[in-house]
Amino acid sequence: MLIEFHSRTEGFVFSFLRSRALAAAATSCVFIGFNASAGAAEWLYWTETGPGGFQTNGPAFVIRANADGTGATAIVSGANVIKGPNGLESFNGALYWPDQQKDSGRVAVDGSQLLELGSGAYDIAANANAVFYSLGSANRILKSNADGSGLTTLITGLSFPFAIDVSATHLYWSEFNSGKIRRSNLDGSDIQDLLGGIVAYDFEVTDDAIFYANTFQGEIWRANLDGSQAVRLIDTSDFINGIDVTADFLYWSDLGGEIRRASRDGSGEQLLYTAPAGVSIRGVVALTSVAPVPVPAALPLLLGAIGTLACLGRRRA
């Protein structure tokens, strides 16, 4: 288990919040299927710390709510499971959170099938074959198998890697100290600088763009995948910590405890959720439900039932 803490980063975070307050399962598991890129979201998920969480070993959670922010309920809790979540990501019907105080974790979208992964991290990303972890002050990116086993170092010599995302062809990450967003091939080769002069606590790579937070400026930007044609979409006074993008909307969370969304061009901003006093929102994920996929143990029963129905249908005919 790798645990990291960056005092300068957290000093910025909590100084910002004080000033604002004064001013106002294993790899064999088949998860319930969700598609985050089709239509409007039906569910919101986020990681939450506090009151008194994160630095003081207070409570931390993964929360699920309706798309409008109502009905918030914890689906992951307990200090033995989650202590210092710094974000939230989704892949293939599962939720992943990086944890700076213990091993990171993965669950199905209903909170079941908990799996502890092989490393703590500042951020986490997953594809069908691997999980990637950014280890800020260690200046490394790690990679494990999908179940957290086989943990290895993928890239070294970075400048405090923070947010991380993965596409079908590339691994992307932001760097706190250099102020860059960079990418490499999935094997860590051919590192390229895409964007500079920013501190991105989170970003989202879609098929055709990078949506990223210039966190300390309270801005959200969009750029092409090669970093060109950057355009500012959102300008707030918030300390933006999480971003998620669907086919229709851009979602973001801030450490002051709010979740908002707007159209992908930044228009039509809406406040969806405000956390209780003293609670910080870390990452956010918006998902659209599709038909459930049964776990492997249920497949024989399902196939048997289908066979029975087919026989009944033939007899009735």
C-alpha atoms as a PDB file:
ATOM      1  CA  MET A   1       0.000   0.000   0.000  1.00  0.00           C
ATOM      2  CA  LEU A   2       1.352   3.378  -0.968  1.00  0.00           C
ATOM      3  CA  ILE A   3       0.216   6.483   0.937  1.00  0.00           C
ATOM      4  CA  GLU A   4       1.114   9.975  -0.189  1.00  0.00           C
ATOM      5  CA  PHE A   5       0.394  13.466   1.023  1.00  0.00           C
ATOM      6  CA  HIS A   6       1.443  16.755  -0.511  1.00  0.00           C
ATOM      7  CA  SER A   7       1.347  19.503   2.082  1.00  0.00           C
ATOM      8  CA  ARG A   8       1.684  22.394  -0.331  1.00  0.00           C
ATOM      9  CA  THR A   9      -1.277  21.202  -2.417  1.00  0.00           C
ATOM     10  CA  GLU A  10      -3.493  20.652   0.586  1.00  0.00           C
ATOM     11  CA  GLY A  11      -2.410  23.984   2.034  1.00  0.00           C
ATOM     12  CA  PHE A  12      -3.748  25.693  -1.080  1.00  0.00           C
ATOM     13  CA  VAL A  13      -6.964  23.666  -0.853  1.00  0.00           C
ATOM     14  CA  PHE A  14      -7.829  24.366   2.743  1.00  0.00           C
ATOM     15  CA  SER A  15      -6.690  27.981   2.586  1.00  0.00           C
ATOM     16  CA  PHE A  16      -9.076  28.419  -0.327  1.00  0.00           C
ATOM     17  CA  LEU A  17     -11.955  26.825   1.586  1.00  0.00           C
ATOM     18  CA  ARG A  18     -11.365  28.965   4.684  1.00  0.00           C
ATOM     19  CA  SER A  19     -11.383  32.154   2.616  1.00  0.00           C
ATOM     20  CA  ARG A  20     -14.550  31.079   0.820  1.00  0.00           C
ATOM     21  CA  ALA A  21     -16.297  30.336   4.120  1.00  0.00           C
ATOM     22  CA  LEU A  22     -15.366  33.680   5.455  1.00  0.00           C
ATOM     23  CA  ALA A  23     -16.649  35.416   2.321  1.00  0.00           C
ATOM     24  CA  ALA A  24     -19.912  33.284   2.329  1.00  0.00           C
ATOM     25  CA  ALA A  25     -15.287  -7.355  -7.119  1.00  0.00           C
ATOM     26  CA  ALA A  26     -12.582  -9.325  -8.872  1.00  0.00           C
ATOM     27  CA  THR A  27     -11.947  -9.110 -12.665  1.00  0.00           C
ATOM     28  CA  SER A  28     -14.334 -12.012 -13.327  1.00  0.00           C
ATOM     29  CA  CYS A  29     -17.243  -9.953 -12.078  1.00  0.00           C
ATOM     30  CA  VAL A  30     -19.643  -8.590 -14.669  1.00  0.00           C
ATOM     31  CA  PHE A  31     -21.045  -5.306 -13.405  1.00  0.00           C
ATOM     32  CA  ILE A  32     -24.455  -3.799 -14.028  1.00  0.00           C
ATOM     33  CA  GLY A  33     -23.996  -2.019 -17.336  1.00  0.00           C
ATOM     34  CA  PHE A  34     -23.956   1.757 -17.635  1.00  0.00           C
ATOM     35  CA  ASN A  35     -23.161   3.989 -20.574  1.00  0.00           C
ATOM     36  CA  ALA A  36     -21.932   7.456 -19.648  1.00  0.00           C
ATOM     37  CA  SER A  37     -22.020   8.799 -23.197  1.00  0.00           C
ATOM     38  CA  ALA A  38     -25.601   8.105 -24.271  1.00  0.00           C
ATOM     39  CA  GLY A  39     -28.333  10.578 -23.457  1.00  0.00           C
ATOM     40  CA  ALA A  40     -29.033  12.428 -20.245  1.00  0.00           C
ATOM     41  CA  ALA A  41     -27.688  11.027 -16.987  1.00  0.00           C
ATOM     42  CA  GLU A  42     -30.019   9.151 -14.652  1.00  0.00           C
ATOM     43  CA  TRP A  43     -27.606   8.920 -11.724  1.00  0.00           C
ATOM     44  CA  LEU A  44     -24.959  11.089 -10.117  1.00  0.00           C
ATOM     45  CA  TYR A  45     -22.061   9.697  -8.108  1.00  0.00           C
ATOM     46  CA  TRP A  46     -19.384  11.523  -6.172  1.00  0.00           C
ATOM     47  CA  THR A  47     -16.764  11.060  -3.475  1.00  0.00           C
ATOM     48  CA  GLU A  48     -17.233  13.096  -0.327  1.00  0.00           C
ATOM     49  CA  THR A  49     -15.104  13.806   2.750  1.00  0.00           C
ATOM     50  CA  GLY A  50     -16.039  15.392   6.048  1.00  0.00           C
ATOM     51  CA  PRO A  51     -17.014  17.009   8.162  1.00  0.00           C
ATOM     52  CA  GLY A  52     -13.518  16.689   9.563  1.00  0.00           C
ATOM     53  CA  GLY A  53     -12.457  14.254   6.872  1.00  0.00           C
ATOM     54  CA  PHE A  54      -9.399  13.644   4.737  1.00  0.00           C
ATOM     55  CA  GLN A  55      -6.593  15.192   6.797  1.00  0.00           C
ATOM     56  CA  THR A  56      -8.135  14.270  10.163  1.00  0.00           C
ATOM     57  CA  ASN A  57      -9.233  10.716   9.319  1.00  0.00           C
ATOM     58  CA  GLY A  58     -12.863  11.788   9.411  1.00  0.00           C
ATOM     59  CA  PRO A  59     -15.591  10.081   7.382  1.00  0.00           C
ATOM     60  CA  ALA A  60     -15.376   9.533   3.624  1.00  0.00           C
ATOM     61  CA  PHE A  61     -17.972   8.149   1.222  1.00  0.00           C
ATOM     62  CA  VAL A  62     -19.006   7.303  -2.309  1.00  0.00           C
ATOM     63  CA  ILE A  63     -22.450   8.884  -2.755  1.00  0.00           C
ATOM     64  CA  ARG A  64     -25.190   8.081  -5.278  1.00  0.00           C
ATOM     65  CA  ALA A  65     -28.075  10.450  -6.104  1.00  0.00           C
ATOM     66  CA  ASN A  66     -30.725  11.048  -8.720  1.00  0.00           C
ATOM     67  CA  ALA A  67     -29.731  13.051 -11.781  1.00  0.00           C
ATOM     68  CA  ASP A  68     -31.087  16.251 -10.216  1.00  0.00           C
ATOM     69  CA  GLY A  69     -29.015  15.761  -7.047  1.00  0.00           C
ATOM     70  CA  THR A  70     -31.899  14.570  -4.868  1.00  0.00           C
ATOM     71  CA  GLY A  71     -31.951  11.338  -2.893  1.00  0.00           C
ATOM     72  CA  ALA A  72     -28.247  11.349  -2.000  1.00  0.00           C
ATOM     73  CA  THR A  73     -27.203   8.177  -0.188  1.00  0.00           C
ATOM     74  CA  ALA A  74     -23.861   6.587   0.682  1.00  0.00           C
ATOM     75  CA  ILE A  75     -23.073   3.346  -1.163  1.00  0.00           C
ATOM     76  CA  VAL A  76     -19.486   3.068   0.128  1.00  0.00           C
ATOM     77  CA  SER A  77     -18.396   4.051   3.633  1.00  0.00           C
ATOM     78  CA  GLY A  78     -16.228   2.957   6.544  1.00  0.00           C
ATOM     79  CA  ALA A  79     -12.624   3.872   7.346  1.00  0.00           C
ATOM     80  CA  ASN A  80     -11.501   0.316   6.570  1.00  0.00           C
ATOM     81  CA  VAL A  81     -12.773   0.783   3.004  1.00  0.00           C
ATOM     82  CA  ILE A  82     -12.373   4.478   2.106  1.00  0.00           C
ATOM     83  CA  LYS A  83     -10.387   7.204   3.895  1.00  0.00           C
ATOM     84  CA  GLY A  84      -8.843   9.778   1.537  1.00  0.00           C
ATOM     85  CA  PRO A  85     -10.653   9.695  -1.824  1.00  0.00           C
ATOM     86  CA  ASN A  86      -9.424  12.424  -4.133  1.00  0.00           C
ATOM     87  CA  GLY A  87     -11.756  11.763  -7.055  1.00  0.00           C
ATOM     88  CA  LEU A  88     -14.053   9.277  -8.785  1.00  0.00           C
ATOM     89  CA  GLU A  89     -13.920   7.595 -12.186  1.00  0.00           C
ATOM     90  CA  SER A  90     -16.056   5.046 -14.017  1.00  0.00           C
ATOM     91  CA  PHE A  91     -15.377   2.326 -16.552  1.00  0.00           C
ATOM     92  CA  ASN A  92     -17.530  -0.512 -17.863  1.00  0.00           C
ATOM     93  CA  GLY A  93     -20.170  -0.262 -15.164  1.00  0.00           C
ATOM     94  CA  ALA A  94     -17.756   0.053 -12.243  1.00  0.00           C
ATOM     95  CA  LEU A  95     -16.721   2.986 -10.050  1.00  0.00           C
ATOM     96  CA  TYR A  96     -13.074   3.594  -9.129  1.00  0.00           C
ATOM     97  CA  TRP A  97     -11.729   5.981  -6.532  1.00  0.00           C
ATOM     98  CA  PRO A  98      -8.128   6.949  -5.763  1.00  0.00           C
ATOM     99  CA  ASP A  99      -7.262   6.994  -2.092  1.00  0.00           C
ATOM    100  CA  GLN A 100      -4.377   8.974  -0.607  1.00  0.00           C
ATOM    101  CA  GLN A 101      -4.572   7.263   2.777  1.00  0.00           C
ATOM    102  CA  LYS A 102      -5.047   3.580   1.882  1.00  0.00           C
ATOM    103  CA  ASP A 103      -5.414   1.345  -1.146  1.00  0.00           C
ATOM    104  CA  SER A 104      -7.696   2.666  -3.865  1.00  0.00           C
ATOM    105  CA  GLY A 105     -10.988   0.889  -4.507  1.00  0.00           C
ATOM    106  CA  ARG A 106     -13.512  -0.376  -7.039  1.00  0.00           C
ATOM    107  CA  VAL A 107     -17.205  -1.226  -6.700  1.00  0.00           C
ATOM    108  CA  ALA A 108     -20.202  -1.936  -8.896  1.00  0.00           C
ATOM    109  CA  VAL A 109     -22.545   0.997  -9.373  1.00  0.00           C
ATOM    110  CA  ASP A 110     -24.803  -0.231  -6.554  1.00  0.00           C
ATOM    111  CA  GLY A 111     -21.887  -0.332  -4.100  1.00  0.00           C
ATOM    112  CA  SER A 112     -21.481  -4.111  -4.185  1.00  0.00           C
ATOM    113  CA  GLN A 113     -18.501  -6.233  -5.290  1.00  0.00           C
ATOM    114  CA  LEU A 114     -15.918  -4.191  -3.409  1.00  0.00           C
ATOM    115  CA  LEU A 115     -12.336  -4.729  -4.537  1.00  0.00           C
ATOM    116  CA  GLU A 116      -9.292  -3.086  -2.957  1.00  0.00           C
ATOM    117  CA  LEU A 117      -6.746  -2.246  -5.631  1.00  0.00           C
ATOM    118  CA  GLY A 118      -2.988  -2.457  -5.306  1.00  0.00           C
ATOM    119  CA  SER A 119      -2.018   1.130  -4.613  1.00  0.00           C
ATOM    120  CA  GLY A 120      -2.994   4.416  -3.043  1.00  0.00           C
ATOM    121  CA  ALA A 121      -3.066   7.281  -5.533  1.00  0.00           C
ATOM    122  CA  TYR A 122      -3.871  10.907  -6.251  1.00  0.00           C
ATOM    123  CA  ASP A 123      -5.987   9.821  -9.215  1.00  0.00           C
ATOM    124  CA  ILE A 124      -6.940   6.630 -10.999  1.00  0.00           C
ATOM    125  CA  ALA A 125      -8.056   5.523 -14.479  1.00  0.00           C
ATOM    126  CA  ALA A 126      -8.994   2.150 -15.955  1.00  0.00           C
ATOM    127  CA  ASN A 127      -9.489   0.375 -19.252  1.00  0.00           C
ATOM    128  CA  ALA A 128     -10.400  -3.219 -20.048  1.00  0.00           C
ATOM    129  CA  ASN A 129      -6.976  -4.587 -19.201  1.00  0.00           C
ATOM    130  CA  ALA A 130      -5.360  -2.327 -16.611  1.00  0.00           C
ATOM    131  CA  VAL A 131      -5.679   0.265 -13.869  1.00  0.00           C
ATOM    132  CA  PHE A 132      -3.386   3.326 -13.853  1.00  0.00           C
ATOM    133  CA  TYR A 133      -2.405   5.294 -10.747  1.00  0.00           C
ATOM    134  CA  SER A 134      -0.776   8.725 -10.399  1.00  0.00           C
ATOM    135  CA  LEU A 135       1.630   8.992  -7.453  1.00  0.00           C
ATOM    136  CA  GLY A 136       2.205  12.737  -7.088  1.00  0.00           C
ATOM    137  CA  SER A 137       5.239  13.325  -4.879  1.00  0.00           C
ATOM    138  CA  ALA A 138       6.806  10.030  -6.000  1.00  0.00           C
ATOM    139  CA  ASN A 139       6.731  11.485  -9.550  1.00  0.00           C
ATOM    140  CA  ARG A 140       5.542   8.184 -10.967  1.00  0.00           C
ATOM    141  CA  ILE A 141       2.613   6.561 -12.732  1.00  0.00           C
ATOM    142  CA  LEU A 142       1.896   2.939 -11.838  1.00  0.00           C
ATOM    143  CA  LYS A 143      -0.043   0.262 -13.673  1.00  0.00           C
ATOM    144  CA  SER A 144      -1.731  -2.910 -12.423  1.00  0.00           C
ATOM    145  CA  ASN A 145      -3.914  -5.622 -13.840  1.00  0.00           C
ATOM    146  CA  ALA A 146      -7.655  -4.952 -13.765  1.00  0.00           C
ATOM    147  CA  ASP A 147      -7.959  -6.717 -10.390  1.00  0.00           C
ATOM    148  CA  GLY A 148      -5.137  -4.683  -8.826  1.00  0.00           C
ATOM    149  CA  SER A 149      -2.538  -7.444  -9.067  1.00  0.00           C
ATOM    150  CA  GLY A 150       0.778  -7.178 -10.896  1.00  0.00           C
ATOM    151  CA  LEU A 151       1.486  -3.614  -9.781  1.00  0.00           C
ATOM    152  CA  THR A 152       4.420  -2.112 -11.711  1.00  0.00           C
ATOM    153  CA  THR A 153       5.936   1.301 -12.379  1.00  0.00           C
ATOM    154  CA  LEU A 154       5.017   2.556 -15.854  1.00  0.00           C
ATOM    155  CA  ILE A 155       6.544   6.072 -16.013  1.00  0.00           C
ATOM    156  CA  THR A 156       9.086   7.799 -13.758  1.00  0.00           C
ATOM    157  CA  GLY A 157      10.724  11.222 -13.596  1.00  0.00           C
ATOM    158  CA  LEU A 158       7.512  13.251 -13.829  1.00  0.00           C
ATOM    159  CA  SER A 159       6.719  16.550 -12.094  1.00  0.00           C
ATOM    160  CA  PHE A 160       4.069  15.619  -9.523  1.00  0.00           C
ATOM    161  CA  PRO A 161       1.498  13.778 -11.707  1.00  0.00           C
ATOM    162  CA  PHE A 162      -2.006  14.461 -10.443  1.00  0.00           C
ATOM    163  CA  ALA A 163      -5.153  13.875 -12.544  1.00  0.00           C
ATOM    164  CA  ILE A 164      -5.053  10.924 -14.952  1.00  0.00           C
ATOM    165  CA  ASP A 165      -7.269   9.549 -17.739  1.00  0.00           C
ATOM    166  CA  VAL A 166      -6.975   6.882 -20.402  1.00  0.00           C
ATOM    167  CA  SER A 167      -8.370   6.529 -23.923  1.00  0.00           C
ATOM    168  CA  ALA A 168      -8.229   3.622 -26.364  1.00  0.00           C
ATOM    169  CA  THR A 169      -4.796   4.740 -27.566  1.00  0.00           C
ATOM    170  CA  HIS A 170      -3.215   7.068 -24.968  1.00  0.00           C
ATOM    171  CA  LEU A 171      -2.631   7.709 -21.295  1.00  0.00           C
ATOM    172  CA  TYR A 172      -3.139  11.358 -20.213  1.00  0.00           C
ATOM    173  CA  TRP A 173      -2.093  13.088 -16.992  1.00  0.00           C
ATOM    174  CA  SER A 174      -1.721  16.548 -15.488  1.00  0.00           C
ATOM    175  CA  GLU A 175       1.327  17.675 -13.488  1.00  0.00           C
ATOM    176  CA  PHE A 176       1.029  19.944 -10.489  1.00  0.00           C
ATOM    177  CA  ASN A 177       4.575  21.298 -10.469  1.00  0.00           C
ATOM    178  CA  SER A 178       5.097  21.775 -14.208  1.00  0.00           C
ATOM    179  CA  GLY A 179       1.543  23.027 -14.882  1.00  0.00           C
ATOM    180  CA  LYS A 180       1.173  20.734 -17.895  1.00  0.00           C
ATOM    181  CA  ILE A 181      -1.222  18.192 -19.324  1.00  0.00           C
ATOM    182  CA  ARG A 182       0.763  15.454 -21.058  1.00  0.00           C
ATOM    183  CA  ARG A 183       0.128  12.131 -22.753  1.00  0.00           C
ATOM    184  CA  SER A 184       1.954   8.967 -23.753  1.00  0.00           C
ATOM    185  CA  ASN A 185       1.252   5.690 -25.464  1.00  0.00           C
ATOM    186  CA  LEU A 186      -0.397   3.110 -23.225  1.00  0.00           C
ATOM    187  CA  ASP A 187       3.000   1.527 -22.568  1.00  0.00           C
ATOM    188  CA  GLY A 188       4.388   4.860 -21.322  1.00  0.00           C
ATOM    189  CA  SER A 189       6.429   5.620 -24.426  1.00  0.00           C
ATOM    190  CA  ASP A 190       6.454   8.763 -26.591  1.00  0.00           C
ATOM    191  CA  ILE A 191       5.574  11.372 -23.919  1.00  0.00           C
ATOM    192  CA  GLN A 192       4.144  14.599 -25.372  1.00  0.00           C
ATOM    193  CA  ASP A 193       3.288  17.979 -23.830  1.00  0.00           C
ATOM    194  CA  LEU A 194      -0.238  19.063 -24.788  1.00  0.00           C
ATOM    195  CA  LEU A 195      -1.123  22.053 -22.580  1.00  0.00           C
ATOM    196  CA  GLY A 196       0.780  24.277 -20.161  1.00  0.00           C
ATOM    197  CA  GLY A 197       0.383  27.052 -17.626  1.00  0.00           C
ATOM    198  CA  ILE A 198      -2.441  25.362 -15.704  1.00  0.00           C
ATOM    199  CA  VAL A 199      -3.046  23.340 -12.548  1.00  0.00           C
ATOM    200  CA  ALA A 200      -5.649  20.738 -13.493  1.00  0.00           C
ATOM    201  CA  TYR A 201      -7.048  18.824 -10.519  1.00  0.00           C
ATOM    202  CA  ASP A 202      -9.196  16.889 -12.975  1.00  0.00           C
ATOM    203  CA  PHE A 203      -9.875  16.555 -16.687  1.00  0.00           C
ATOM    204  CA  GLU A 204     -11.923  14.322 -18.984  1.00  0.00           C
ATOM    205  CA  VAL A 205     -10.847  12.928 -22.350  1.00  0.00           C
ATOM    206  CA  THR A 206     -13.668  12.306 -24.825  1.00  0.00           C
ATOM    207  CA  ASP A 207     -13.503  11.019 -28.402  1.00  0.00           C
ATOM    208  CA  ASP A 208     -12.640  14.445 -29.757  1.00  0.00           C
ATOM    209  CA  ALA A 209     -11.616  16.752 -26.910  1.00  0.00           C
ATOM    210  CA  ILE A 210     -10.027  17.313 -23.512  1.00  0.00           C
ATOM    211  CA  PHE A 211     -12.197  19.088 -20.933  1.00  0.00           C
ATOM    212  CA  TYR A 212     -10.015  20.334 -18.090  1.00  0.00           C
ATOM    213  CA  ALA A 213     -10.126  22.454 -14.958  1.00  0.00           C
ATOM    214  CA  ASN A 214      -7.719  25.316 -14.444  1.00  0.00           C
ATOM    215  CA  THR A 215      -8.385  24.690 -10.789  1.00  0.00           C
ATOM    216  CA  PHE A 216      -6.948  27.681  -8.951  1.00  0.00           C
ATOM    217  CA  GLN A 217      -8.525  30.060 -11.487  1.00  0.00           C
ATOM    218  CA  GLY A 218     -11.965  28.445 -11.178  1.00  0.00           C
ATOM    219  CA  GLU A 219     -12.159  27.777 -14.913  1.00  0.00           C
ATOM    220  CA  ILE A 220     -13.099  24.871 -17.184  1.00  0.00           C
ATOM    221  CA  TRP A 221     -11.617  24.709 -20.685  1.00  0.00           C
ATOM    222  CA  ARG A 222     -11.993  22.564 -23.779  1.00  0.00           C
ATOM    223  CA  ALA A 223      -9.164  21.743 -26.222  1.00  0.00           C
ATOM    224  CA  ASN A 224      -8.576  19.363 -29.083  1.00  0.00           C
ATOM    225  CA  LEU A 225      -6.877  16.070 -28.238  1.00  0.00           C
ATOM    226  CA  ASP A 226      -3.532  17.494 -29.342  1.00  0.00           C
ATOM    227  CA  GLY A 227      -3.977  20.509 -27.042  1.00  0.00           C
ATOM    228  CA  SER A 228      -4.804  22.974 -29.819  1.00  0.00           C
ATOM    229  CA  GLN A 229      -7.692  25.477 -29.982  1.00  0.00           C
ATOM    230  CA  ALA A 230      -8.257  25.758 -26.225  1.00  0.00           C
ATOM    231  CA  VAL A 231     -11.480  27.598 -25.348  1.00  0.00           C
ATOM    232  CA  ARG A 232     -12.702  28.654 -21.907  1.00  0.00           C
ATOM    233  CA  LEU A 233     -16.213  27.338 -21.173  1.00  0.00           C
ATOM    234  CA  ILE A 234     -16.825  28.057 -17.476  1.00  0.00           C
ATOM    235  CA  ASP A 235     -15.496  30.888 -15.288  1.00  0.00           C
ATOM    236  CA  THR A 236     -16.344  30.639 -11.588  1.00  0.00           C
ATOM    237  CA  SER A 237     -14.815  31.504  -8.213  1.00  0.00           C
ATOM    238  CA  ASP A 238     -14.902  27.842  -7.182  1.00  0.00           C
ATOM    239  CA  PHE A 239     -12.017  25.476  -6.493  1.00  0.00           C
ATOM    240  CA  ILE A 240     -12.938  22.885  -9.147  1.00  0.00           C
ATOM    241  CA  ASN A 241     -11.930  19.366  -8.220  1.00  0.00           C
ATOM    242  CA  GLY A 242     -13.926  16.965 -10.408  1.00  0.00           C
ATOM    243  CA  ILE A 243     -15.112  16.908 -14.035  1.00  0.00           C
ATOM    244  CA  ASP A 244     -17.276  14.465 -15.986  1.00  0.00           C
ATOM    245  CA  VAL A 245     -18.615  14.785 -19.533  1.00  0.00           C
ATOM    246  CA  THR A 246     -21.576  13.008 -21.128  1.00  0.00           C
ATOM    247  CA  ALA A 247     -23.046  13.339 -24.608  1.00  0.00           C
ATOM    248  CA  ASP A 248     -25.169  16.273 -23.444  1.00  0.00           C
ATOM    249  CA  PHE A 249     -23.615  17.814 -20.350  1.00  0.00           C
ATOM    250  CA  LEU A 250     -20.496  18.927 -18.571  1.00  0.00           C
ATOM    251  CA  TYR A 251     -20.553  18.186 -14.810  1.00  0.00           C
ATOM    252  CA  TRP A 252     -18.172  19.542 -12.201  1.00  0.00           C
ATOM    253  CA  SER A 253     -17.703  19.447  -8.437  1.00  0.00           C
ATOM    254  CA  ASP A 254     -15.863  21.798  -6.097  1.00  0.00           C
ATOM    255  CA  LEU A 255     -14.239  21.377  -2.717  1.00  0.00           C
ATOM    256  CA  GLY A 256     -16.723  23.804  -1.198  1.00  0.00           C
ATOM    257  CA  GLY A 257     -19.388  21.134  -1.537  1.00  0.00           C
ATOM    258  CA  GLU A 258     -21.337  21.868  -4.742  1.00  0.00           C
ATOM    259  CA  ILE A 259     -22.049  19.937  -7.938  1.00  0.00           C
ATOM    260  CA  ARG A 260     -23.097  21.794 -11.090  1.00  0.00           C
ATOM    261  CA  ARG A 261     -23.692  21.055 -14.735  1.00  0.00           C
ATOM    262  CA  ALA A 262     -23.934  22.950 -18.015  1.00  0.00           C
ATOM    263  CA  SER A 263     -24.244  22.122 -21.683  1.00  0.00           C
ATOM    264  CA  ARG A 264     -20.995  21.014 -23.265  1.00  0.00           C
ATOM    265  CA  ASP A 265     -20.495  24.528 -24.616  1.00  0.00           C
ATOM    266  CA  GLY A 266     -20.703  25.961 -21.071  1.00  0.00           C
ATOM    267  CA  SER A 267     -24.186  27.436 -21.381  1.00  0.00           C
ATOM    268  CA  GLY A 268     -27.200  26.845 -19.143  1.00  0.00           C
ATOM    269  CA  GLU A 269     -25.384  26.338 -15.841  1.00  0.00           C
ATOM    270  CA  GLN A 270     -27.401  24.576 -13.107  1.00  0.00           C
ATOM    271  CA  LEU A 271     -26.707  23.880  -9.431  1.00  0.00           C
ATOM    272  CA  LEU A 272     -27.552  20.228  -8.695  1.00  0.00           C
ATOM    273  CA  TYR A 273     -26.338  19.591  -5.161  1.00  0.00           C
ATOM    274  CA  THR A 274     -25.026  21.457  -2.118  1.00  0.00           C
ATOM    275  CA  ALA A 275     -23.327  19.389   0.587  1.00  0.00           C
ATOM    276  CA  PRO A 276     -23.785  19.942   4.330  1.00  0.00           C
ATOM    277  CA  ALA A 277     -21.463  22.441   6.010  1.00  0.00           C
ATOM    278  CA  GLY A 278     -17.874  21.253   6.323  1.00  0.00           C
ATOM    279  CA  VAL A 279     -18.200  18.590   3.629  1.00  0.00           C
ATOM    280  CA  SER A 280     -15.951  18.605   0.537  1.00  0.00           C
ATOM    281  CA  ILE A 281     -16.908  17.082  -2.807  1.00  0.00           C
ATOM    282  CA  ARG A 282     -13.999  15.416  -4.579  1.00  0.00           C
ATOM    283  CA  GLY A 283     -14.839  13.714  -7.889  1.00  0.00           C
ATOM    284  CA  VAL A 284     -18.116  13.420  -9.804  1.00  0.00           C
ATOM    285  CA  VAL A 285     -19.485  10.886 -12.310  1.00  0.00           C
ATOM    286  CA  ALA A 286     -22.770  11.023 -14.265  1.00  0.00           C
ATOM    287  CA  LEU A 287     -24.107   7.749 -15.665  1.00  0.00           C
ATOM    288  CA  THR A 288     -27.033   6.614 -17.794  1.00  0.00           C
ATOM    289  CA  SER A 289     -28.491   3.196 -16.991  1.00  0.00           C
ATOM    290  CA  VAL A 290     -28.993   0.439 -19.513  1.00  0.00           C
ATOM    291  CA  ALA A 291     -30.187  -3.158 -19.101  1.00  0.00           C
ATOM    292  CA  PRO A 292     -28.412  -5.026 -16.275  1.00  0.00           C
ATOM    293  CA  VAL A 293     -25.807  -7.628 -17.196  1.00  0.00           C
ATOM    294  CA  PRO A 294     -26.003 -10.766 -15.000  1.00  0.00           C
ATOM    295  CA  VAL A 295     -22.991 -11.956 -13.026  1.00  0.00           C
ATOM    296  CA  PRO A 296     -21.407 -15.202 -14.297  1.00  0.00           C
ATOM    297  CA  ALA A 297     -22.987 -17.348 -11.559  1.00  0.00           C
ATOM    298  CA  ALA A 298     -26.444 -16.370 -12.812  1.00  0.00           C
ATOM    299  CA  LEU A 299     -25.782 -17.253 -16.452  1.00  0.00           C
ATOM    300  CA  PRO A 300     -26.623 -20.992 -16.202  1.00  0.00           C
ATOM    301  CA  LEU A 301     -29.968 -20.165 -14.565  1.00  0.00           C
ATOM    302  CA  LEU A 302     -30.683 -17.535 -17.183  1.00  0.00           C
ATOM    303  CA  LEU A 303     -29.819 -19.847 -20.065  1.00  0.00           C
ATOM    304  CA  GLY A 304     -31.927 -22.594 -18.526  1.00  0.00           C
ATOM    305  CA  ALA A 305     -34.875 -20.246 -18.191  1.00  0.00           C
ATOM    306  CA  ILE A 306     -34.514 -19.139 -21.803  1.00  0.00           C
ATOM    307  CA  GLY A 307     -34.436 -22.785 -22.900  1.00  0.00           C
ATOM    308  CA  THR A 308     -37.555 -23.556 -20.884  1.00  0.00           C
ATOM    309  CA  LEU A 309     -39.421 -20.603 -22.366  1.00  0.00           C
ATOM    310  CA  ALA A 310     -38.366 -21.647 -25.852  1.00  0.00           C
ATOM    311  CA  CYS A 311     -39.717 -25.161 -25.247  1.00  0.00           C
ATOM    312  CA  LEU A 312     -42.990 -23.781 -23.891  1.00  0.00           C
ATOM    313  CA  GLY A 313     -43.283 -21.548 -26.920  1.00  0.00           C
ATOM    314  CA  ARG A 314     -42.839 -24.504 -29.284  1.00  0.00           C
ATOM    315  CA  ARG A 315     -45.402 -26.582 -27.403  1.00  0.00           C
ATOM    316  CA  ARG A 316     -47.983 -23.751 -27.547  1.00  0.00           C
ATOM    317  CA  ALA A 317     -47.385 -23.359 -31.246  1.00  0.00           C
END
